């Protein structure tokens, strides 16, 4: 029986043929990542030290299973990498942002308002996409910071249609627990009821950011919202009638898009 060929590694360990293939594939993958947004075959060869024909063959094998994708003459990390390295929630957020990006662009183009797409993150709302013009550039960093679900139009749109989030907020408001039923702060309960009645949440008083805003939930296949679509502007420029009409229309379209691309 012919023994497997082995080669020394920098640590002194020995690699058989199968291990060597895995090491080469990993090296190619690291080279693609190290090259930045995308890598040419020449860059992969330079970074790995592999022969050109070997690097090309390994890239083809990685491409066949979705770990690498080819764009012209360059290579990028594929969707399979996301599936292996990110949480289910983060992957869902990435897919939601990708599917709804055209709608956010259209909404921003029609209004020139600040347009955001927020998702629940614990007891907060996290904006996974923002569209804005020069006049709102200074607010972008503040909006991208996670904020309480109770402190933004997007957060309240999510709360109004997600009992689980309401329960979490109620538990935080009643840390003692006990036999008493959990209750929300009265003002928040009124706002949630108003949001459910209107179909959108509303912050007409300038927030800490100095803008007025409205938001609607966006649904996939489940009854729980996947995200909230929000629109905001400086109070003197905020047209509530226009904003609410466009939000309802865009949210309905967004929900149809997500239902087509969300597994049951």
C-alpha atoms as a PDB file:
ATOM      1  CA  UNK A   1       0.000   0.000   0.000  1.00  0.00           C
ATOM      2  CA  UNK A   2       1.485   3.355  -1.030  1.00  0.00           C
ATOM      3  CA  UNK A   3       1.511   5.837   1.877  1.00  0.00           C
ATOM      4  CA  UNK A   4      -0.070   9.263   1.386  1.00  0.00           C
ATOM      5  CA  UNK A   5       2.342  12.006   0.432  1.00  0.00           C
ATOM      6  CA  UNK A   6       2.882  14.524   3.185  1.00  0.00           C
ATOM      7  CA  UNK A   7       4.407  17.956   3.179  1.00  0.00           C
ATOM      8  CA  UNK A   8       5.780  19.983   6.090  1.00  0.00           C
ATOM      9  CA  UNK A   9       3.952  23.129   7.265  1.00  0.00           C
ATOM     10  CA  UNK A  10       5.473  26.212   8.913  1.00  0.00           C
ATOM     11  CA  UNK A  11       4.460  24.821  12.330  1.00  0.00           C
ATOM     12  CA  UNK A  12       6.147  21.492  11.722  1.00  0.00           C
ATOM     13  CA  UNK A  13       2.841  19.619  11.315  1.00  0.00           C
ATOM     14  CA  UNK A  14       2.384  17.286   8.349  1.00  0.00           C
ATOM     15  CA  UNK A  15      -0.349  17.578   5.713  1.00  0.00           C
ATOM     16  CA  UNK A  16      -1.617  14.685   3.607  1.00  0.00           C
ATOM     17  CA  UNK A  17      -3.063  15.273   0.127  1.00  0.00           C
ATOM     18  CA  UNK A  18      -6.580  15.937   1.420  1.00  0.00           C
ATOM     19  CA  UNK A  19      -5.368  18.398   4.023  1.00  0.00           C
ATOM     20  CA  UNK A  20      -3.151  20.098   1.452  1.00  0.00           C
ATOM     21  CA  UNK A  21      -6.135  20.645  -0.851  1.00  0.00           C
ATOM     22  CA  UNK A  22      -8.130  22.159   2.011  1.00  0.00           C
ATOM     23  CA  UNK A  23      -5.200  24.420   2.901  1.00  0.00           C
ATOM     24  CA  UNK A  24      -4.874  25.580  -0.702  1.00  0.00           C
ATOM     25  CA  UNK A  25      -8.600  26.289  -0.979  1.00  0.00           C
ATOM     26  CA  UNK A  26      -8.471  28.284   2.241  1.00  0.00           C
ATOM     27  CA  UNK A  27      -5.441  30.161   0.966  1.00  0.00           C
ATOM     28  CA  UNK A  28      -7.251  31.088  -2.231  1.00  0.00           C
ATOM     29  CA  UNK A  29     -10.288  32.242  -0.246  1.00  0.00           C
ATOM     30  CA  UNK A  30      -8.099  34.387   2.010  1.00  0.00           C
ATOM     31  CA  UNK A  31      -6.419  35.880  -1.050  1.00  0.00           C
ATOM     32  CA  UNK A  32      -9.771  36.902  -2.546  1.00  0.00           C
ATOM     33  CA  UNK A  33     -10.741  38.512   0.753  1.00  0.00           C
ATOM     34  CA  UNK A  34      -7.380  40.240   1.195  1.00  0.00           C
ATOM     35  CA  UNK A  35      -7.596  41.787  -2.271  1.00  0.00           C
ATOM     36  CA  UNK A  36     -10.568  43.897  -1.165  1.00  0.00           C
ATOM     37  CA  UNK A  37     -13.796  44.164  -3.127  1.00  0.00           C
ATOM     38  CA  UNK A  38     -12.591  41.723  -5.793  1.00  0.00           C
ATOM     39  CA  UNK A  39      -9.439  39.893  -6.901  1.00  0.00           C
ATOM     40  CA  UNK A  40      -7.922  39.076 -10.268  1.00  0.00           C
ATOM     41  CA  UNK A  41      -6.386  35.698 -10.984  1.00  0.00           C
ATOM     42  CA  UNK A  42      -2.956  37.374 -10.997  1.00  0.00           C
ATOM     43  CA  UNK A  43      -3.549  38.742  -7.490  1.00  0.00           C
ATOM     44  CA  UNK A  44      -4.567  35.313  -6.193  1.00  0.00           C
ATOM     45  CA  UNK A  45      -1.443  33.770  -7.729  1.00  0.00           C
ATOM     46  CA  UNK A  46       0.754  36.454  -6.164  1.00  0.00           C
ATOM     47  CA  UNK A  47      -0.818  36.213  -2.716  1.00  0.00           C
ATOM     48  CA  UNK A  48      -0.877  32.389  -2.553  1.00  0.00           C
ATOM     49  CA  UNK A  49       2.266  31.502  -4.460  1.00  0.00           C
ATOM     50  CA  UNK A  50       0.325  28.859  -6.375  1.00  0.00           C
ATOM     51  CA  UNK A  51       0.854  28.108 -10.059  1.00  0.00           C
ATOM     52  CA  UNK A  52      -1.597  29.992 -12.271  1.00  0.00           C
ATOM     53  CA  UNK A  53      -3.285  26.801 -13.501  1.00  0.00           C
ATOM     54  CA  UNK A  54      -3.751  25.537  -9.927  1.00  0.00           C
ATOM     55  CA  UNK A  55      -5.163  28.847  -8.687  1.00  0.00           C
ATOM     56  CA  UNK A  56      -7.575  28.959 -11.637  1.00  0.00           C
ATOM     57  CA  UNK A  57      -8.772  25.406 -10.965  1.00  0.00           C
ATOM     58  CA  UNK A  58      -9.300  26.060  -7.244  1.00  0.00           C
ATOM     59  CA  UNK A  59     -11.207  29.271  -7.977  1.00  0.00           C
ATOM     60  CA  UNK A  60     -13.466  27.309 -10.329  1.00  0.00           C
ATOM     61  CA  UNK A  61     -14.128  24.723  -7.604  1.00  0.00           C
ATOM     62  CA  UNK A  62     -14.989  27.444  -5.079  1.00  0.00           C
ATOM     63  CA  UNK A  63     -17.210  29.150  -7.666  1.00  0.00           C
ATOM     64  CA  UNK A  64     -19.098  25.905  -8.329  1.00  0.00           C
ATOM     65  CA  UNK A  65     -20.276  25.722  -4.689  1.00  0.00           C
ATOM     66  CA  UNK A  66     -21.049  29.427  -4.301  1.00  0.00           C
ATOM     67  CA  UNK A  67     -18.143  30.321  -2.030  1.00  0.00           C
ATOM     68  CA  UNK A  68     -16.634  32.513  -4.740  1.00  0.00           C
ATOM     69  CA  UNK A  69     -18.443  34.260  -7.581  1.00  0.00           C
ATOM     70  CA  UNK A  70     -16.947  35.574 -10.790  1.00  0.00           C
ATOM     71  CA  UNK A  71     -17.623  39.018 -12.210  1.00  0.00           C
ATOM     72  CA  UNK A  72     -15.899  39.297 -15.572  1.00  0.00           C
ATOM     73  CA  UNK A  73     -12.225  38.610 -14.961  1.00  0.00           C
ATOM     74  CA  UNK A  74     -12.386  39.191 -11.203  1.00  0.00           C
ATOM     75  CA  UNK A  75     -13.479  37.096  -8.243  1.00  0.00           C
ATOM     76  CA  UNK A  76     -15.493  38.033  -5.169  1.00  0.00           C
ATOM     77  CA  UNK A  77     -16.691  36.226  -2.057  1.00  0.00           C
ATOM     78  CA  UNK A  78     -19.987  34.450  -2.782  1.00  0.00           C
ATOM     79  CA  UNK A  79     -23.278  34.181  -0.922  1.00  0.00           C
ATOM     80  CA  UNK A  80     -22.260  30.857   0.641  1.00  0.00           C
ATOM     81  CA  UNK A  81     -19.676  32.718   2.725  1.00  0.00           C
ATOM     82  CA  UNK A  82     -22.459  34.793   4.275  1.00  0.00           C
ATOM     83  CA  UNK A  83     -24.478  31.682   5.015  1.00  0.00           C
ATOM     84  CA  UNK A  84     -21.540  30.193   6.911  1.00  0.00           C
ATOM     85  CA  UNK A  85     -20.317  33.260   8.789  1.00  0.00           C
ATOM     86  CA  UNK A  86     -23.253  35.488   9.728  1.00  0.00           C
ATOM     87  CA  UNK A  87     -26.231  35.016  11.998  1.00  0.00           C
ATOM     88  CA  UNK A  88     -29.651  34.208  10.632  1.00  0.00           C
ATOM     89  CA  UNK A  89     -30.850  37.692  11.645  1.00  0.00           C
ATOM     90  CA  UNK A  90     -27.969  39.448   9.907  1.00  0.00           C
ATOM     91  CA  UNK A  91     -28.438  37.376   6.766  1.00  0.00           C
ATOM     92  CA  UNK A  92     -32.151  38.234   6.729  1.00  0.00           C
ATOM     93  CA  UNK A  93     -31.321  41.931   7.160  1.00  0.00           C
ATOM     94  CA  UNK A  94     -28.870  41.772   4.251  1.00  0.00           C
ATOM     95  CA  UNK A  95     -31.446  40.120   1.991  1.00  0.00           C
ATOM     96  CA  UNK A  96     -34.153  42.596   3.027  1.00  0.00           C
ATOM     97  CA  UNK A  97     -31.874  45.547   2.283  1.00  0.00           C
ATOM     98  CA  UNK A  98     -30.936  44.102  -1.099  1.00  0.00           C
ATOM     99  CA  UNK A  99     -34.539  43.486  -2.166  1.00  0.00           C
ATOM    100  CA  UNK A 100     -35.864  46.862  -1.007  1.00  0.00           C
ATOM    101  CA  UNK A 101     -33.002  49.122  -2.099  1.00  0.00           C
ATOM    102  CA  UNK A 102     -34.734  50.127  -5.401  1.00  0.00           C
ATOM    103  CA  UNK A 103     -37.881  51.146  -3.515  1.00  0.00           C
ATOM    104  CA  UNK A 104     -35.912  53.266  -1.048  1.00  0.00           C
ATOM    105  CA  UNK A 105     -34.176  54.989  -3.942  1.00  0.00           C
ATOM    106  CA  UNK A 106     -37.528  55.733  -5.598  1.00  0.00           C
ATOM    107  CA  UNK A 107     -39.014  57.079  -2.366  1.00  0.00           C
ATOM    108  CA  UNK A 108     -36.033  59.333  -1.748  1.00  0.00           C
ATOM    109  CA  UNK A 109     -36.093  60.503  -5.353  1.00  0.00           C
ATOM    110  CA  UNK A 110     -39.736  61.547  -5.126  1.00  0.00           C
ATOM    111  CA  UNK A 111     -39.484  63.347  -1.783  1.00  0.00           C
ATOM    112  CA  UNK A 112     -35.821  64.285  -1.245  1.00  0.00           C
ATOM    113  CA  UNK A 113     -36.545  63.387   2.379  1.00  0.00           C
ATOM    114  CA  UNK A 114     -34.391  61.220   4.575  1.00  0.00           C
ATOM    115  CA  UNK A 115     -35.522  57.613   3.988  1.00  0.00           C
ATOM    116  CA  UNK A 116     -34.568  54.718   6.256  1.00  0.00           C
ATOM    117  CA  UNK A 117     -35.074  50.977   6.621  1.00  0.00           C
ATOM    118  CA  UNK A 118     -34.925  49.792  10.240  1.00  0.00           C
ATOM    119  CA  UNK A 119     -34.989  46.328  11.812  1.00  0.00           C
ATOM    120  CA  UNK A 120     -35.510  45.306  15.448  1.00  0.00           C
ATOM    121  CA  UNK A 121     -32.339  44.607  17.401  1.00  0.00           C
ATOM    122  CA  UNK A 122     -33.153  43.564  20.952  1.00  0.00           C
ATOM    123  CA  UNK A 123     -34.932  46.506  22.531  1.00  0.00           C
ATOM    124  CA  UNK A 124     -33.681  48.876  19.839  1.00  0.00           C
ATOM    125  CA  UNK A 125     -34.141  49.644  16.162  1.00  0.00           C
ATOM    126  CA  UNK A 126     -31.127  49.435  13.836  1.00  0.00           C
ATOM    127  CA  UNK A 127     -31.139  51.148  10.462  1.00  0.00           C
ATOM    128  CA  UNK A 128     -29.704  48.837   7.810  1.00  0.00           C
ATOM    129  CA  UNK A 129     -30.109  51.343   4.977  1.00  0.00           C
ATOM    130  CA  UNK A 130     -30.412  55.117   4.661  1.00  0.00           C
ATOM    131  CA  UNK A 131     -31.018  57.446   1.725  1.00  0.00           C
ATOM    132  CA  UNK A 132     -30.412  61.157   2.194  1.00  0.00           C
ATOM    133  CA  UNK A 133     -29.294  64.339   0.485  1.00  0.00           C
ATOM    134  CA  UNK A 134     -26.577  66.786   1.415  1.00  0.00           C
ATOM    135  CA  UNK A 135     -28.764  68.671   3.900  1.00  0.00           C
ATOM    136  CA  UNK A 136     -29.197  65.543   6.052  1.00  0.00           C
ATOM    137  CA  UNK A 137     -25.601  64.322   5.837  1.00  0.00           C
ATOM    138  CA  UNK A 138     -24.847  65.460   9.387  1.00  0.00           C
ATOM    139  CA  UNK A 139     -27.697  63.352  10.791  1.00  0.00           C
ATOM    140  CA  UNK A 140     -26.749  60.075   9.102  1.00  0.00           C
ATOM    141  CA  UNK A 141     -24.242  58.982  11.743  1.00  0.00           C
ATOM    142  CA  UNK A 142     -26.702  59.644  14.564  1.00  0.00           C
ATOM    143  CA  UNK A 143     -29.491  57.745  12.825  1.00  0.00           C
ATOM    144  CA  UNK A 144     -27.232  54.755  12.192  1.00  0.00           C
ATOM    145  CA  UNK A 145     -26.723  54.392  15.947  1.00  0.00           C
ATOM    146  CA  UNK A 146     -29.171  51.970  17.549  1.00  0.00           C
ATOM    147  CA  UNK A 147     -31.964  53.763  19.385  1.00  0.00           C
ATOM    148  CA  UNK A 148     -34.780  52.593  21.634  1.00  0.00           C
ATOM    149  CA  UNK A 149     -37.834  51.186  19.905  1.00  0.00           C
ATOM    150  CA  UNK A 150     -39.844  53.762  21.829  1.00  0.00           C
ATOM    151  CA  UNK A 151     -37.753  56.701  20.601  1.00  0.00           C
ATOM    152  CA  UNK A 152     -38.300  56.623  16.827  1.00  0.00           C
ATOM    153  CA  UNK A 153     -41.120  56.393  14.324  1.00  0.00           C
ATOM    154  CA  UNK A 154     -39.588  53.209  12.891  1.00  0.00           C
ATOM    155  CA  UNK A 155     -39.419  51.602  16.329  1.00  0.00           C
ATOM    156  CA  UNK A 156     -43.032  52.408  17.129  1.00  0.00           C
ATOM    157  CA  UNK A 157     -44.187  51.076  13.748  1.00  0.00           C
ATOM    158  CA  UNK A 158     -42.518  47.778  14.648  1.00  0.00           C
ATOM    159  CA  UNK A 159     -43.966  47.740  18.167  1.00  0.00           C
ATOM    160  CA  UNK A 160     -47.491  48.335  16.870  1.00  0.00           C
ATOM    161  CA  UNK A 161     -47.412  45.122  14.855  1.00  0.00           C
ATOM    162  CA  UNK A 162     -45.134  42.825  16.857  1.00  0.00           C
ATOM    163  CA  UNK A 163     -46.542  41.578  20.201  1.00  0.00           C
ATOM    164  CA  UNK A 164     -43.229  39.923  21.060  1.00  0.00           C
ATOM    165  CA  UNK A 165     -41.424  43.270  20.988  1.00  0.00           C
ATOM    166  CA  UNK A 166     -44.184  44.846  23.076  1.00  0.00           C
ATOM    167  CA  UNK A 167     -43.760  42.068  25.649  1.00  0.00           C
ATOM    168  CA  UNK A 168     -40.012  42.717  25.809  1.00  0.00           C
ATOM    169  CA  UNK A 169     -40.571  46.447  26.333  1.00  0.00           C
ATOM    170  CA  UNK A 170     -43.173  45.729  29.015  1.00  0.00           C
ATOM    171  CA  UNK A 171     -40.761  43.432  30.853  1.00  0.00           C
ATOM    172  CA  UNK A 172     -38.122  46.151  30.850  1.00  0.00           C
ATOM    173  CA  UNK A 173     -40.686  48.644  32.180  1.00  0.00           C
ATOM    174  CA  UNK A 174     -41.687  46.175  34.937  1.00  0.00           C
ATOM    175  CA  UNK A 175     -38.366  44.623  36.040  1.00  0.00           C
ATOM    176  CA  UNK A 176     -39.893  43.316  39.276  1.00  0.00           C
ATOM    177  CA  UNK A 177     -42.207  40.921  37.432  1.00  0.00           C
ATOM    178  CA  UNK A 178     -44.386  39.072  39.919  1.00  0.00           C
ATOM    179  CA  UNK A 179     -48.046  38.213  39.600  1.00  0.00           C
ATOM    180  CA  UNK A 180     -49.084  41.624  38.262  1.00  0.00           C
ATOM    181  CA  UNK A 181     -49.700  41.720  34.486  1.00  0.00           C
ATOM    182  CA  UNK A 182     -47.016  43.497  32.502  1.00  0.00           C
ATOM    183  CA  UNK A 183     -48.033  46.927  31.267  1.00  0.00           C
ATOM    184  CA  UNK A 184     -46.554  49.498  28.935  1.00  0.00           C
ATOM    185  CA  UNK A 185     -46.034  53.152  29.812  1.00  0.00           C
ATOM    186  CA  UNK A 186     -49.437  54.845  29.219  1.00  0.00           C
ATOM    187  CA  UNK A 187     -48.104  57.302  26.636  1.00  0.00           C
ATOM    188  CA  UNK A 188     -46.559  54.486  24.601  1.00  0.00           C
ATOM    189  CA  UNK A 189     -49.771  52.448  24.762  1.00  0.00           C
ATOM    190  CA  UNK A 190     -51.670  55.410  23.291  1.00  0.00           C
ATOM    191  CA  UNK A 191     -49.099  55.848  20.514  1.00  0.00           C
ATOM    192  CA  UNK A 192     -49.245  52.148  19.600  1.00  0.00           C
ATOM    193  CA  UNK A 193     -53.042  52.259  19.446  1.00  0.00           C
ATOM    194  CA  UNK A 194     -52.916  55.380  17.260  1.00  0.00           C
ATOM    195  CA  UNK A 195     -50.356  53.721  14.975  1.00  0.00           C
ATOM    196  CA  UNK A 196     -52.522  50.637  14.567  1.00  0.00           C
ATOM    197  CA  UNK A 197     -55.547  52.801  13.770  1.00  0.00           C
ATOM    198  CA  UNK A 198     -53.760  55.049  11.246  1.00  0.00           C
ATOM    199  CA  UNK A 199     -51.587  52.343   9.702  1.00  0.00           C
ATOM    200  CA  UNK A 200     -48.390  54.335  10.303  1.00  0.00           C
ATOM    201  CA  UNK A 201     -46.479  55.799  13.238  1.00  0.00           C
ATOM    202  CA  UNK A 202     -45.917  59.523  13.467  1.00  0.00           C
ATOM    203  CA  UNK A 203     -43.458  61.829  15.215  1.00  0.00           C
ATOM    204  CA  UNK A 204     -44.520  65.351  14.260  1.00  0.00           C
ATOM    205  CA  UNK A 205     -42.676  66.930  17.161  1.00  0.00           C
ATOM    206  CA  UNK A 206     -39.004  67.309  16.271  1.00  0.00           C
ATOM    207  CA  UNK A 207     -37.028  64.444  17.779  1.00  0.00           C
ATOM    208  CA  UNK A 208     -33.526  64.663  19.236  1.00  0.00           C
ATOM    209  CA  UNK A 209     -32.414  64.839  15.595  1.00  0.00           C
ATOM    210  CA  UNK A 210     -34.604  67.849  14.873  1.00  0.00           C
ATOM    211  CA  UNK A 211     -36.769  66.122  12.259  1.00  0.00           C
ATOM    212  CA  UNK A 212     -40.380  65.020  11.942  1.00  0.00           C
ATOM    213  CA  UNK A 213     -40.912  61.443  10.781  1.00  0.00           C
ATOM    214  CA  UNK A 214     -43.442  58.762   9.917  1.00  0.00           C
ATOM    215  CA  UNK A 215     -42.966  55.011   9.449  1.00  0.00           C
ATOM    216  CA  UNK A 216     -44.804  51.863   8.365  1.00  0.00           C
ATOM    217  CA  UNK A 217     -44.089  48.156   8.923  1.00  0.00           C
ATOM    218  CA  UNK A 218     -42.998  45.895   6.065  1.00  0.00           C
ATOM    219  CA  UNK A 219     -44.005  42.237   6.157  1.00  0.00           C
ATOM    220  CA  UNK A 220     -42.696  39.038   4.617  1.00  0.00           C
ATOM    221  CA  UNK A 221     -44.519  35.713   4.751  1.00  0.00           C
ATOM    222  CA  UNK A 222     -45.121  35.844   8.512  1.00  0.00           C
ATOM    223  CA  UNK A 223     -47.440  38.132  10.441  1.00  0.00           C
ATOM    224  CA  UNK A 224     -44.456  39.734  12.154  1.00  0.00           C
ATOM    225  CA  UNK A 225     -42.842  42.728  10.413  1.00  0.00           C
ATOM    226  CA  UNK A 226     -39.381  42.175   8.990  1.00  0.00           C
ATOM    227  CA  UNK A 227     -38.558  45.878   8.961  1.00  0.00           C
ATOM    228  CA  UNK A 228     -39.959  49.391   9.186  1.00  0.00           C
ATOM    229  CA  UNK A 229     -39.793  51.921   6.377  1.00  0.00           C
ATOM    230  CA  UNK A 230     -39.431  55.486   7.636  1.00  0.00           C
ATOM    231  CA  UNK A 231     -39.377  58.914   6.061  1.00  0.00           C
ATOM    232  CA  UNK A 232     -38.337  62.152   7.740  1.00  0.00           C
ATOM    233  CA  UNK A 233     -37.602  65.808   7.094  1.00  0.00           C
ATOM    234  CA  UNK A 234     -37.149  69.078   8.907  1.00  0.00           C
ATOM    235  CA  UNK A 235     -40.582  70.023  10.338  1.00  0.00           C
ATOM    236  CA  UNK A 236     -41.113  73.038   8.061  1.00  0.00           C
ATOM    237  CA  UNK A 237     -40.621  70.780   5.017  1.00  0.00           C
ATOM    238  CA  UNK A 238     -42.479  67.708   6.216  1.00  0.00           C
ATOM    239  CA  UNK A 239     -45.692  67.152   4.235  1.00  0.00           C
ATOM    240  CA  UNK A 240     -47.638  64.583   6.267  1.00  0.00           C
ATOM    241  CA  UNK A 241     -50.294  63.893   3.619  1.00  0.00           C
ATOM    242  CA  UNK A 242     -47.691  63.199   0.955  1.00  0.00           C
ATOM    243  CA  UNK A 243     -45.459  61.220   3.309  1.00  0.00           C
ATOM    244  CA  UNK A 244     -48.215  58.958   4.607  1.00  0.00           C
ATOM    245  CA  UNK A 245     -49.600  58.261   1.121  1.00  0.00           C
ATOM    246  CA  UNK A 246     -46.185  57.395  -0.311  1.00  0.00           C
ATOM    247  CA  UNK A 247     -45.297  55.288   2.730  1.00  0.00           C
ATOM    248  CA  UNK A 248     -48.453  53.188   2.449  1.00  0.00           C
ATOM    249  CA  UNK A 249     -47.947  52.648  -1.273  1.00  0.00           C
ATOM    250  CA  UNK A 250     -44.242  51.812  -0.929  1.00  0.00           C
ATOM    251  CA  UNK A 251     -44.798  49.517   2.059  1.00  0.00           C
ATOM    252  CA  UNK A 252     -47.445  47.538   0.191  1.00  0.00           C
ATOM    253  CA  UNK A 253     -45.075  47.131  -2.748  1.00  0.00           C
ATOM    254  CA  UNK A 254     -42.188  46.226  -0.408  1.00  0.00           C
ATOM    255  CA  UNK A 255     -44.256  43.550   1.322  1.00  0.00           C
ATOM    256  CA  UNK A 256     -45.146  41.997  -2.037  1.00  0.00           C
ATOM    257  CA  UNK A 257     -41.465  41.943  -2.993  1.00  0.00           C
ATOM    258  CA  UNK A 258     -40.440  40.303   0.274  1.00  0.00           C
ATOM    259  CA  UNK A 259     -43.190  37.691   0.091  1.00  0.00           C
ATOM    260  CA  UNK A 260     -41.935  36.651  -3.316  1.00  0.00           C
ATOM    261  CA  UNK A 261     -38.409  36.158  -1.981  1.00  0.00           C
ATOM    262  CA  UNK A 262     -38.991  34.970   1.602  1.00  0.00           C
ATOM    263  CA  UNK A 263     -39.327  31.197   2.215  1.00  0.00           C
ATOM    264  CA  UNK A 264     -42.531  30.097   3.855  1.00  0.00           C
END
